[in-house]
Protein backbone atom coordinates (compact mmCIF):
# COMPACT_ATOMS: atom_id res chain seq x y z
CA UNK A 1 27.46 2.42 -18.37
CA UNK A 2 24.01 2.23 -19.96
CA UNK A 3 20.74 1.72 -18.08
CA UNK A 4 20.47 -2.01 -18.93
CA UNK A 5 23.97 -2.68 -17.62
CA UNK A 6 23.21 -0.82 -14.39
CA UNK A 7 19.92 -2.70 -14.03
CA UNK A 8 21.73 -6.01 -14.52
CA UNK A 9 24.28 -5.01 -11.89
CA UNK A 10 21.54 -4.11 -9.39
CA UNK A 11 19.62 -7.35 -9.90
CA UNK A 12 22.53 -9.79 -10.19
CA UNK A 13 22.50 -12.30 -7.32
CA UNK A 14 25.54 -12.75 -5.07
CA UNK A 15 26.73 -16.03 -3.53
CA UNK A 16 24.03 -15.69 -0.83
CA UNK A 17 21.30 -15.24 -3.44
CA UNK A 18 20.79 -11.53 -2.72
CA UNK A 19 20.92 -8.70 -5.22
CA UNK A 20 22.17 -5.18 -4.61
CA UNK A 21 18.67 -3.73 -4.13
CA UNK A 22 17.93 -6.30 -1.43
CA UNK A 23 21.26 -5.55 0.24
CA UNK A 24 20.48 -1.81 0.18
CA UNK A 25 17.22 -2.65 1.98
CA UNK A 26 18.89 -4.91 4.53
CA UNK A 27 21.50 -2.29 5.48
CA UNK A 28 18.89 0.53 5.39
CA UNK A 29 20.56 2.38 2.53
CA UNK A 30 17.43 4.38 1.69
CA UNK A 31 19.26 7.06 -0.30
CA UNK A 32 20.62 4.48 -2.73
CA UNK A 33 17.16 2.97 -3.17
CA UNK A 34 15.68 6.43 -3.73
CA UNK A 35 18.31 7.17 -6.37
CA UNK A 36 17.51 3.86 -8.10
CA UNK A 37 13.82 4.72 -8.02
CA UNK A 38 14.44 8.18 -9.52
CA UNK A 39 16.38 6.58 -12.36
CA UNK A 40 13.62 3.97 -12.85
CA UNK A 41 15.92 1.13 -11.77
CA UNK A 42 13.98 -0.07 -8.74
CA UNK A 43 12.44 -3.43 -9.53
CA UNK A 44 9.55 -5.01 -7.67
CA UNK A 45 10.60 -8.51 -8.70
CA UNK A 46 10.74 -10.92 -5.76
CA UNK A 47 13.64 -13.25 -5.03
CA UNK A 48 13.47 -16.98 -5.69
CA UNK A 49 11.35 -17.51 -2.55
CA UNK A 50 8.99 -14.63 -3.31
CA UNK A 51 10.46 -12.11 -0.87
CA UNK A 52 10.20 -8.50 -2.06
CA UNK A 53 12.11 -5.49 -0.78
CA UNK A 54 9.16 -4.88 1.53
CA UNK A 55 9.65 -8.33 3.09
CA UNK A 56 13.34 -7.57 3.64
CA UNK A 57 12.47 -4.22 5.22
CA UNK A 58 10.05 -6.07 7.52
CA UNK A 59 12.68 -8.67 8.44
CA UNK A 60 15.23 -6.00 9.33
CA UNK A 61 12.70 -3.70 11.07
CA UNK A 62 13.08 -0.77 8.66
CA UNK A 63 9.84 1.12 9.42
CA UNK A 64 10.70 4.29 7.49
CA UNK A 65 11.84 2.26 4.51
CA UNK A 66 8.59 0.26 4.64
CA UNK A 67 6.56 3.48 4.41
CA UNK A 68 8.71 4.75 1.55
CA UNK A 69 8.51 1.46 -0.39
CA UNK A 70 4.74 1.46 0.06
CA UNK A 71 3.94 5.14 -0.53
CA UNK A 72 6.53 6.27 -3.06
CA UNK A 73 7.85 3.14 -4.75
CA UNK A 74 4.40 1.52 -4.91
CA UNK A 75 5.16 -1.86 -3.36
CA UNK A 76 2.16 -3.90 -2.27
CA UNK A 77 1.89 -4.84 1.39
CA UNK A 78 -0.15 -7.88 0.33
CA UNK A 79 2.43 -9.65 -1.86
CA UNK A 80 3.05 -13.11 -0.46
CA UNK A 81 6.13 -15.30 -0.62
CA UNK A 82 5.97 -18.83 -1.98
CA UNK A 83 5.22 -19.82 1.62
CA UNK A 84 2.18 -17.52 1.72
CA UNK A 85 3.87 -15.00 3.99
CA UNK A 86 3.00 -11.31 3.60
CA UNK A 87 5.36 -8.60 4.89
CA UNK A 88 3.24 -8.20 8.05
CA UNK A 89 3.61 -11.93 8.74
CA UNK A 90 7.36 -11.64 8.27
CA UNK A 91 7.55 -8.70 10.69
CA UNK A 92 5.49 -10.62 13.25
CA UNK A 93 7.67 -13.72 12.88
CA UNK A 94 10.72 -11.62 13.77
CA UNK A 95 8.77 -9.62 16.40
CA UNK A 96 9.74 -6.31 14.79
CA UNK A 97 7.35 -3.87 16.43
CA UNK A 98 8.25 -0.82 14.33
CA UNK A 99 7.85 -2.79 11.10
CA UNK A 100 4.53 -4.23 12.30
CA UNK A 101 3.31 -0.74 13.14
CA UNK A 102 4.40 0.64 9.73
CA UNK A 103 2.65 -2.21 7.90
CA UNK A 104 -0.52 -1.81 9.98
CA UNK A 105 -0.37 1.91 9.15
CA UNK A 106 -0.14 1.06 5.43
CA UNK A 107 -3.01 -1.43 5.74
CA UNK A 108 -5.21 1.18 7.43
CA UNK A 109 -4.39 3.69 4.68
CA UNK A 110 -5.21 1.05 2.07
CA UNK A 111 -8.52 0.47 3.86
CA UNK A 112 -9.51 4.10 3.35
CA UNK A 113 -8.48 4.06 -0.31
CA UNK A 114 -10.30 0.77 -0.88
CA UNK A 115 -13.49 2.09 0.69
CA UNK A 116 -13.34 5.22 -1.49
CA UNK A 117 -12.71 3.15 -4.61
CA UNK A 118 -15.53 0.73 -3.81
CA UNK A 119 -18.01 3.55 -3.20
CA UNK A 120 -17.10 5.28 -6.46
CA UNK A 121 -17.36 2.02 -8.40
CA UNK A 122 -20.80 1.33 -6.92
CA UNK A 123 -22.02 4.84 -7.75
CA UNK A 124 -20.80 4.43 -11.34
CA UNK A 125 -22.32 0.95 -11.66
CA UNK A 126 -25.71 2.01 -10.33
CA UNK A 127 -25.81 5.22 -12.39
CA UNK A 128 -26.53 2.94 -15.34
CA UNK A 129 -29.44 1.20 -13.62
CA UNK A 130 -32.81 2.29 -12.38
CA UNK A 131 -31.70 1.78 -8.76
CA UNK A 132 -29.65 4.76 -7.61
CA UNK A 133 -28.90 6.84 -4.58
CA UNK A 134 -31.00 9.93 -4.09
CA UNK A 135 -29.24 13.18 -5.06
CA UNK A 136 -28.53 14.10 -1.44
CA UNK A 137 -27.16 10.63 -0.67
CA UNK A 138 -24.95 10.63 -3.74
CA UNK A 139 -23.68 14.13 -2.94
CA UNK A 140 -22.86 13.13 0.66
CA UNK A 141 -21.08 9.95 -0.47
CA UNK A 142 -19.05 11.73 -3.15
CA UNK A 143 -18.11 14.64 -0.88
CA UNK A 144 -17.04 12.22 1.88
CA UNK A 145 -14.88 10.31 -0.59
CA UNK A 146 -13.34 13.52 -1.92
CA UNK A 147 -12.77 14.92 1.57
CA UNK A 148 -11.03 11.78 2.83
CA UNK A 149 -8.97 11.38 -0.33
CA UNK A 150 -7.90 15.02 -0.09
CA UNK A 151 -7.00 14.53 3.58
CA UNK A 152 -4.81 11.53 2.67
CA UNK A 153 -3.08 13.49 -0.09
CA UNK A 154 -2.55 16.60 2.03
CA UNK A 155 -1.50 14.95 5.29
CA UNK A 156 2.07 13.83 4.63
CA UNK A 157 2.56 11.51 7.60
CA UNK A 158 -0.62 10.87 9.56
CA UNK A 159 -0.40 8.71 12.64
CA UNK A 160 -2.01 5.30 12.76
CA UNK A 161 -4.58 6.71 15.18
CA UNK A 162 -5.52 9.49 12.77
CA UNK A 163 -5.84 7.01 9.89
CA UNK A 164 -7.90 4.65 12.01
CA UNK A 165 -10.24 7.47 13.08
CA UNK A 166 -10.65 8.70 9.49
CA UNK A 167 -11.38 5.17 8.28
CA UNK A 168 -13.99 4.77 11.03
CA UNK A 169 -15.64 8.07 10.06
CA UNK A 170 -15.74 7.10 6.41
CA UNK A 171 -17.16 3.65 7.18
CA UNK A 172 -19.95 5.19 9.27
CA UNK A 173 -20.89 7.54 6.45
CA UNK A 174 -20.55 5.13 3.52
CA UNK A 175 -21.67 1.73 4.88
CA UNK A 176 -25.42 2.43 4.57
CA UNK A 177 -24.92 3.54 0.95
CA UNK A 178 -22.65 0.60 0.15
CA UNK A 179 -25.20 -1.87 1.55
CA UNK A 180 -28.01 -0.21 -0.38
CA UNK A 181 -26.08 -0.13 -3.67
CA UNK A 182 -24.52 -3.58 -3.27
CA UNK A 183 -27.96 -5.16 -3.09
CA UNK A 184 -28.95 -3.33 -6.29
CA UNK A 185 -25.84 -4.42 -8.21
CA UNK A 186 -26.02 -8.08 -7.08
């Protein structure tokens, strides 16, 4: 069977409107999803109502699968259904505490990455203007970004508390620079 035929089989909808990838998520068949991802067969396409695999993992309280879909498969925790419901909203609707915790963990991690990205973009944008950070400020900002990014990459499964503390540290260091540079760019 060629790759297109396998892909069609995985995404074909059954009488309930679910495809095989969604069913793998519902029954927590992580190994099958991982195999599909390795063979580049894991699709991020939502169902007819906009639910992604991450929404299904949230509905069925699959915390480990949520982390895998977010970290490895690259699913966005911010994708909304046609009803405007993000995976965290879905988890809260079903009162799935483990799923809520996993999605809050992912959101906190995204917060760190977003802060790093924003700081780097501001440094780049202001490098082309007359308004810049002083050398020491720029060095501190860049080293903080590098340190926190390295920590994220080298800490395989940090706790929510660790992520939250790291995000707080980074915000304390970078906020004065972000405020200073944001006013220059505006």
